[in-house]
N, C-alpha and C. Protein backbone atom coordinates (compact mmCIF):
# COMPACT_ATOMS: atom_id res chain seq x y z
N MET A 1 6.73 44.96 -34.85
CA MET A 1 7.51 46.53 -35.65
C MET A 1 8.76 45.98 -34.55
N ARG A 2 8.51 46.00 -33.58
CA ARG A 2 9.97 46.16 -32.92
C ARG A 2 10.21 45.40 -33.43
N ASP A 3 10.45 43.74 -33.16
CA ASP A 3 11.19 42.81 -33.71
C ASP A 3 11.73 42.97 -34.79
N ARG A 4 11.15 42.99 -35.84
CA ARG A 4 11.35 42.70 -36.91
C ARG A 4 12.63 44.18 -37.38
N GLU A 5 12.44 45.40 -36.89
CA GLU A 5 13.42 46.20 -37.57
C GLU A 5 14.82 45.86 -36.73
N MET A 6 14.64 45.81 -35.42
CA MET A 6 16.18 44.73 -34.84
C MET A 6 16.48 43.54 -35.33
N LYS A 7 16.03 43.23 -35.63
CA LYS A 7 15.94 41.57 -36.31
C LYS A 7 16.73 41.71 -37.88
N THR A 8 16.58 42.82 -38.73
CA THR A 8 17.00 43.50 -39.85
C THR A 8 18.04 43.70 -39.05
N ILE A 9 18.55 44.36 -37.75
CA ILE A 9 19.72 44.86 -37.70
C ILE A 9 20.23 44.14 -37.51
N THR A 10 20.18 42.99 -36.48
CA THR A 10 20.97 41.98 -36.72
C THR A 10 21.57 40.99 -37.91
N ILE A 11 20.75 40.93 -38.31
CA ILE A 11 20.65 39.60 -39.81
C ILE A 11 21.68 41.54 -41.16
N PHE A 12 21.78 42.60 -40.65
CA PHE A 12 22.56 42.78 -41.08
C PHE A 12 24.12 43.28 -40.46
N GLY A 13 24.21 43.36 -39.36
CA GLY A 13 25.44 42.84 -39.02
C GLY A 13 26.33 41.51 -39.53
N ALA A 14 24.98 40.84 -39.20
CA ALA A 14 26.08 38.81 -39.45
C ALA A 14 25.92 39.38 -41.12
N VAL A 15 25.31 39.70 -41.29
CA VAL A 15 26.13 39.90 -43.56
C VAL A 15 27.55 40.95 -43.81
N LEU A 16 27.53 42.20 -42.78
CA LEU A 16 28.05 42.39 -42.48
C LEU A 16 29.91 41.16 -41.97
N GLY A 17 28.94 41.06 -41.19
CA GLY A 17 29.93 39.96 -40.43
C GLY A 17 31.21 38.62 -41.82
N LEU A 18 30.12 38.73 -42.25
CA LEU A 18 30.63 37.23 -43.79
C LEU A 18 31.11 38.05 -44.31
N THR A 19 30.80 38.89 -45.15
CA THR A 19 31.42 39.50 -46.21
C THR A 19 32.77 40.33 -45.47
N SER A 20 32.54 40.70 -43.55
CA SER A 20 34.01 41.30 -43.59
C SER A 20 35.41 40.28 -43.44
N VAL A 21 34.69 38.20 -43.28
CA VAL A 21 35.59 37.61 -43.53
C VAL A 21 36.38 36.96 -44.86
N ILE A 22 35.40 37.19 -46.18
CA ILE A 22 35.78 36.89 -47.66
C ILE A 22 36.73 37.98 -47.92
N MET A 23 36.26 39.26 -47.78
CA MET A 23 36.86 40.06 -47.98
C MET A 23 38.02 39.93 -47.32
N GLY A 24 38.74 39.60 -45.84
CA GLY A 24 39.77 39.16 -45.61
C GLY A 24 40.62 38.39 -46.05
N ALA A 25 39.83 37.21 -46.82
CA ALA A 25 40.82 35.74 -47.63
C ALA A 25 40.31 36.22 -49.01
N ALA A 26 39.97 36.93 -49.62
CA ALA A 26 40.26 37.71 -50.75
C ALA A 26 41.41 38.75 -50.63
N SER A 27 41.21 39.14 -49.77
CA SER A 27 42.35 40.15 -49.73
C SER A 27 44.22 39.07 -48.54
N ASP A 28 43.99 37.97 -48.56
CA ASP A 28 45.00 37.49 -48.68
C ASP A 28 45.01 36.19 -49.79
N HIS A 29 44.54 36.05 -50.48
CA HIS A 29 44.85 35.14 -51.50
C HIS A 29 44.54 35.53 -52.73
N LEU A 30 43.32 36.49 -52.84
CA LEU A 30 43.13 36.46 -54.66
C LEU A 30 44.60 38.24 -55.22
N PHE A 31 44.52 38.94 -54.05
CA PHE A 31 44.55 40.36 -54.06
C PHE A 31 46.12 40.40 -53.69
N PHE A 32 46.71 39.43 -53.16
CA PHE A 32 48.77 39.41 -52.96
C PHE A 32 48.98 40.01 -53.78
N GLY A 33 50.06 40.43 -53.96
CA GLY A 33 51.19 40.79 -54.62
C GLY A 33 50.20 41.82 -55.98
N PHE A 34 49.19 41.92 -56.22
CA PHE A 34 48.40 42.93 -57.05
C PHE A 34 48.45 44.55 -56.49
N ILE A 35 48.30 44.56 -55.13
CA ILE A 35 48.54 45.88 -54.07
C ILE A 35 49.38 46.73 -52.93
N THR A 36 49.11 47.69 -53.68
CA THR A 36 50.56 48.76 -53.46
C THR A 36 50.54 48.96 -51.78
N GLU A 37 51.54 49.28 -51.70
CA GLU A 37 52.07 49.41 -49.85
C GLU A 37 51.08 50.40 -49.14
N GLU A 38 50.36 51.06 -50.09
CA GLU A 38 49.55 52.39 -49.45
C GLU A 38 47.90 51.69 -49.88
N ASN A 39 47.82 50.91 -50.88
CA ASN A 39 46.68 50.78 -50.71
C ASN A 39 46.17 49.48 -49.33
N SER A 40 48.01 48.59 -49.50
CA SER A 40 47.27 47.74 -48.15
C SER A 40 47.37 47.91 -47.36
N GLU A 41 47.04 49.29 -46.54
CA GLU A 41 47.63 50.63 -45.30
C GLU A 41 45.90 50.55 -45.42
N ARG A 42 44.96 50.78 -46.53
CA ARG A 42 44.16 51.39 -46.72
C ARG A 42 43.07 49.89 -46.35
N LEU A 43 43.25 48.94 -47.19
CA LEU A 43 42.75 47.62 -47.27
C LEU A 43 42.22 47.57 -45.91
N ASP A 44 43.75 47.02 -44.38
CA ASP A 44 44.02 46.61 -43.10
C ASP A 44 43.23 47.60 -42.33
N VAL A 45 42.63 48.85 -43.06
CA VAL A 45 41.93 49.87 -42.54
C VAL A 45 40.47 49.21 -42.18
N ALA A 46 39.86 49.24 -43.15
CA ALA A 46 38.47 48.85 -43.78
C ALA A 46 38.07 47.07 -43.76
N LEU A 47 39.13 45.96 -43.30
CA LEU A 47 39.16 44.98 -42.52
C LEU A 47 38.60 45.69 -41.55
N ARG A 48 39.55 46.48 -41.21
CA ARG A 48 39.70 45.76 -39.16
C ARG A 48 38.29 46.73 -38.95
N TYR A 49 37.67 48.29 -39.39
CA TYR A 49 36.53 48.74 -38.92
C TYR A 49 35.23 47.48 -40.01
N HIS A 50 35.74 47.04 -40.85
CA HIS A 50 34.46 45.86 -41.27
C HIS A 50 34.58 45.25 -39.82
N GLN A 51 35.18 44.29 -39.71
CA GLN A 51 35.27 42.80 -39.06
C GLN A 51 34.47 43.57 -37.64
N LEU A 52 35.08 44.63 -36.72
CA LEU A 52 34.38 45.65 -35.44
C LEU A 52 33.33 45.40 -35.46
N TYR A 53 33.20 46.98 -36.38
CA TYR A 53 31.45 47.26 -36.48
C TYR A 53 30.53 45.89 -36.84
N ALA A 54 30.29 44.93 -37.77
CA ALA A 54 29.85 43.65 -37.16
C ALA A 54 29.16 43.52 -37.11
N ILE A 55 30.24 43.04 -35.70
CA ILE A 55 30.15 42.41 -33.99
C ILE A 55 30.26 43.22 -33.58
N LEU A 56 29.69 44.34 -33.58
CA LEU A 56 28.71 46.15 -32.75
C LEU A 56 27.68 46.34 -33.31
N ILE A 57 27.21 45.76 -34.75
CA ILE A 57 26.05 46.11 -35.26
C ILE A 57 24.71 44.26 -34.72
N PHE A 58 25.22 43.94 -34.60
CA PHE A 58 25.51 41.88 -34.08
C PHE A 58 24.81 42.62 -33.36
N CYS A 59 25.73 42.92 -32.46
CA CYS A 59 25.20 42.65 -30.65
C CYS A 59 24.36 44.01 -29.92
N LEU A 60 24.30 45.17 -30.99
CA LEU A 60 23.27 45.97 -31.11
C LEU A 60 22.07 45.23 -31.35
N GLY A 61 22.33 45.16 -32.05
CA GLY A 61 21.22 44.18 -33.08
C GLY A 61 20.17 43.29 -31.36
N ILE A 62 20.85 42.47 -31.31
CA ILE A 62 20.47 41.53 -29.92
C ILE A 62 19.89 42.40 -29.43
N CYS A 63 20.62 43.36 -28.17
CA CYS A 63 20.12 44.32 -27.38
C CYS A 63 18.57 45.02 -27.57
N GLY A 64 18.89 45.90 -29.03
CA GLY A 64 17.53 45.97 -28.83
C GLY A 64 16.37 45.42 -28.90
N LEU A 65 16.60 43.77 -29.14
CA LEU A 65 15.35 43.20 -29.11
C LEU A 65 14.79 42.87 -27.44
N HIS A 66 15.62 43.28 -26.50
CA HIS A 66 15.56 43.55 -25.27
C HIS A 66 16.09 44.97 -24.10
N THR A 67 15.16 46.28 -24.87
CA THR A 67 15.47 47.60 -23.75
C THR A 67 14.30 48.30 -24.21
N GLN A 68 14.13 49.21 -23.40
CA GLN A 68 12.89 50.14 -22.86
C GLN A 68 13.23 51.10 -23.79
N HIS A 69 14.98 51.34 -24.60
CA HIS A 69 15.62 52.43 -25.18
C HIS A 69 15.44 52.48 -26.44
N LEU A 70 14.33 51.90 -26.81
CA LEU A 70 14.46 51.03 -28.28
C LEU A 70 14.34 51.72 -29.22
N LEU A 71 14.13 53.54 -29.71
CA LEU A 71 14.00 54.11 -30.78
C LEU A 71 15.52 55.05 -30.61
N VAL A 72 16.25 55.01 -29.33
CA VAL A 72 17.34 55.79 -30.22
C VAL A 72 18.65 54.68 -29.97
N LEU A 73 18.25 52.90 -29.56
CA LEU A 73 18.76 52.17 -30.92
C LEU A 73 18.50 51.80 -31.53
N LYS A 74 17.85 52.08 -32.02
CA LYS A 74 17.25 51.21 -33.30
C LYS A 74 17.91 52.90 -34.33
N ARG A 75 18.03 53.59 -33.69
CA ARG A 75 18.67 54.76 -34.08
C ARG A 75 20.37 54.48 -34.45
N ALA A 76 20.91 54.56 -33.66
CA ALA A 76 21.92 54.45 -33.55
C ALA A 76 22.69 52.87 -34.54
N GLY A 77 21.58 51.65 -34.68
CA GLY A 77 21.64 50.76 -34.99
C GLY A 77 22.25 51.25 -36.63
N TYR A 78 20.28 51.60 -36.83
CA TYR A 78 20.95 51.88 -39.05
C TYR A 78 22.68 53.24 -39.21
N ILE A 79 22.35 54.38 -37.96
CA ILE A 79 23.98 55.14 -38.58
C ILE A 79 25.14 54.52 -38.19
N PHE A 80 25.13 53.23 -37.24
CA PHE A 80 26.30 52.29 -37.33
C PHE A 80 26.68 51.74 -39.15
N CYS A 81 24.88 51.22 -39.19
CA CYS A 81 25.17 50.08 -40.79
C CYS A 81 25.23 51.44 -41.81
N ALA A 82 24.39 52.22 -41.59
CA ALA A 82 25.35 53.85 -43.18
C ALA A 82 27.34 54.04 -43.12
N GLY A 83 27.43 54.09 -41.85
CA GLY A 83 28.40 53.99 -41.56
C GLY A 83 29.55 53.10 -41.97
N THR A 84 29.59 52.73 -41.62
CA THR A 84 30.35 50.89 -41.63
C THR A 84 30.17 51.28 -43.58
N VAL A 85 29.00 51.28 -43.84
CA VAL A 85 28.76 51.00 -45.81
C VAL A 85 29.75 52.41 -46.60
N LEU A 86 29.79 53.47 -45.89
CA LEU A 86 30.09 54.37 -46.33
C LEU A 86 31.58 54.54 -46.40
N PHE A 87 32.09 54.02 -44.47
CA PHE A 87 33.79 54.21 -44.50
C PHE A 87 34.47 52.78 -45.35
N CYS A 88 33.18 51.81 -45.25
CA CYS A 88 34.72 50.36 -45.68
C CYS A 88 34.10 50.40 -46.76
N THR A 89 33.38 50.51 -47.80
CA THR A 89 33.81 50.26 -49.00
C THR A 89 33.84 51.89 -50.57
N SER A 90 34.47 52.75 -49.52
CA SER A 90 35.40 53.93 -50.03
C SER A 90 36.74 53.41 -49.96
N LEU A 91 36.35 52.58 -49.23
CA LEU A 91 38.65 52.37 -48.69
C LEU A 91 38.01 51.40 -49.68
N TYR A 92 37.61 50.98 -49.52
CA TYR A 92 37.86 49.18 -50.83
C TYR A 92 37.71 48.98 -52.65
N ILE A 93 36.55 50.67 -52.45
CA ILE A 93 36.45 51.22 -54.25
C ILE A 93 37.79 51.69 -54.73
N SER A 94 38.87 52.25 -53.71
CA SER A 94 39.60 53.50 -53.72
C SER A 94 40.77 52.27 -54.29
N LEU A 95 40.77 50.99 -53.93
CA LEU A 95 41.62 49.74 -53.84
C LEU A 95 41.79 49.70 -55.62
N PHE A 96 40.85 50.34 -56.50
CA PHE A 96 40.83 50.03 -57.15
C PHE A 96 41.39 51.40 -58.23
N PRO A 97 41.85 50.63 -59.39
CA PRO A 97 42.91 51.67 -60.27
C PRO A 97 42.53 53.45 -60.35
N GLY A 98 42.59 54.09 -60.78
CA GLY A 98 42.51 55.68 -60.94
C GLY A 98 40.56 55.99 -60.69
N LEU A 99 40.11 55.50 -58.98
CA LEU A 99 38.79 55.42 -58.63
C LEU A 99 39.66 55.41 -56.62
N ASP A 100 41.07 56.17 -57.04
CA ASP A 100 41.53 56.54 -55.79
C ASP A 100 40.41 58.18 -54.25
N LYS A 101 38.99 58.37 -55.39
CA LYS A 101 38.71 59.55 -55.33
C LYS A 101 37.75 59.47 -54.37
N ALA A 102 37.81 58.26 -54.15
CA ALA A 102 36.40 57.33 -53.80
C ALA A 102 36.69 57.62 -51.74
N THR A 103 37.86 57.35 -51.66
CA THR A 103 37.82 58.13 -50.03
C THR A 103 37.78 59.36 -49.56
N TYR A 104 37.47 59.97 -50.14
CA TYR A 104 36.17 61.58 -50.13
C TYR A 104 35.38 61.30 -49.41
N LEU A 105 34.51 59.26 -49.61
CA LEU A 105 33.28 60.17 -48.71
C LEU A 105 33.72 58.84 -47.68
N THR A 106 35.45 58.79 -47.33
CA THR A 106 35.42 57.53 -46.21
C THR A 106 35.47 58.55 -45.11
N PRO A 107 35.31 60.20 -44.45
CA PRO A 107 35.00 60.92 -43.35
C PRO A 107 34.22 61.18 -42.51
N LEU A 108 32.66 61.45 -44.00
CA LEU A 108 31.85 61.50 -43.95
C LEU A 108 30.79 59.53 -43.46
N GLY A 109 31.59 58.50 -43.66
CA GLY A 109 30.91 57.09 -43.21
C GLY A 109 32.23 57.35 -41.58
N GLY A 110 33.51 57.98 -41.48
CA GLY A 110 33.92 58.35 -40.24
C GLY A 110 32.82 58.75 -39.05
N ILE A 111 32.48 60.39 -39.41
CA ILE A 111 31.01 61.04 -39.32
C ILE A 111 30.57 61.38 -38.62
N THR A 112 29.26 59.68 -39.75
CA THR A 112 28.58 58.61 -39.38
C THR A 112 28.90 57.84 -38.01
N LEU A 113 29.93 57.09 -38.30
CA LEU A 113 30.01 56.11 -36.75
C LEU A 113 30.03 57.01 -35.54
N MET A 114 30.62 58.31 -35.85
CA MET A 114 31.06 59.50 -34.30
C MET A 114 29.61 59.26 -34.15
N PHE A 115 28.53 59.97 -35.26
CA PHE A 115 27.33 59.60 -34.38
C PHE A 115 26.76 59.30 -33.83
N GLY A 116 26.86 57.92 -34.54
CA GLY A 116 25.86 56.48 -33.81
C GLY A 116 26.78 56.33 -32.35
N TRP A 117 27.90 56.46 -31.42
CA TRP A 117 28.98 56.71 -30.97
C TRP A 117 27.95 57.72 -29.51
N ILE A 118 27.37 58.59 -30.02
CA ILE A 118 26.80 59.70 -29.47
C ILE A 118 25.28 59.40 -28.80
N LEU A 119 25.02 58.97 -29.97
CA LEU A 119 23.95 57.89 -29.84
C LEU A 119 23.22 57.02 -28.88
N SER A 120 24.17 55.87 -28.80
CA SER A 120 25.04 54.57 -28.44
C SER A 120 24.99 55.05 -26.46
N PHE A 121 25.64 56.50 -26.41
CA PHE A 121 26.05 56.65 -25.18
C PHE A 121 25.55 58.10 -24.47
N LEU A 122 24.41 58.27 -25.61
CA LEU A 122 22.68 59.19 -24.56
C LEU A 122 22.07 58.20 -24.63
N THR A 123 22.06 56.88 -25.01
CA THR A 123 20.77 55.47 -24.19
C THR A 123 21.50 55.69 -23.54
N ILE A 124 22.12 54.81 -22.81
CA ILE A 124 22.95 54.63 -21.86
C ILE A 124 23.58 55.63 -20.41
N LYS A 125 23.01 56.63 -20.18
CA LYS A 125 22.77 57.68 -20.62
C LYS A 125 21.51 57.96 -19.46
N ARG A 126 20.95 57.87 -20.32
CA ARG A 126 19.29 57.96 -19.61
C ARG A 126 18.41 56.31 -19.29
N SER A 127 19.42 55.76 -19.24
CA SER A 127 18.92 54.58 -18.52
C SER A 127 19.56 53.62 -17.35
N LEU A 128 20.50 55.66 -17.30
CA LEU A 128 21.16 55.21 -15.41
C LEU A 128 20.18 56.36 -14.33
């Protein structure tokens, strides 16, 4: 059970990493010239968080295979996954004409990511 769930988080991190590279390439090659300056800033933020949290979630999954504090770490991993999807996807969706209201979900994703950091902090604090 322990290995399967942490492997799932690790795989999710790897998939996020892959999709961040795909989105980065698409933004440079497919969307070039079609995106407004405001949308370009949104895209840059989404890509930055997408790539950062792909690495974090991947590493968290690997660390989860070798820790005693699995439950809290597993919860933090799932929360980071949900927060990353909410935050980045809402920004990506907002790039399409008429869908800019999707950014209303972005703060919810950000708050979810903050909660993941709090759980990570508590995990480290307990282990000291």
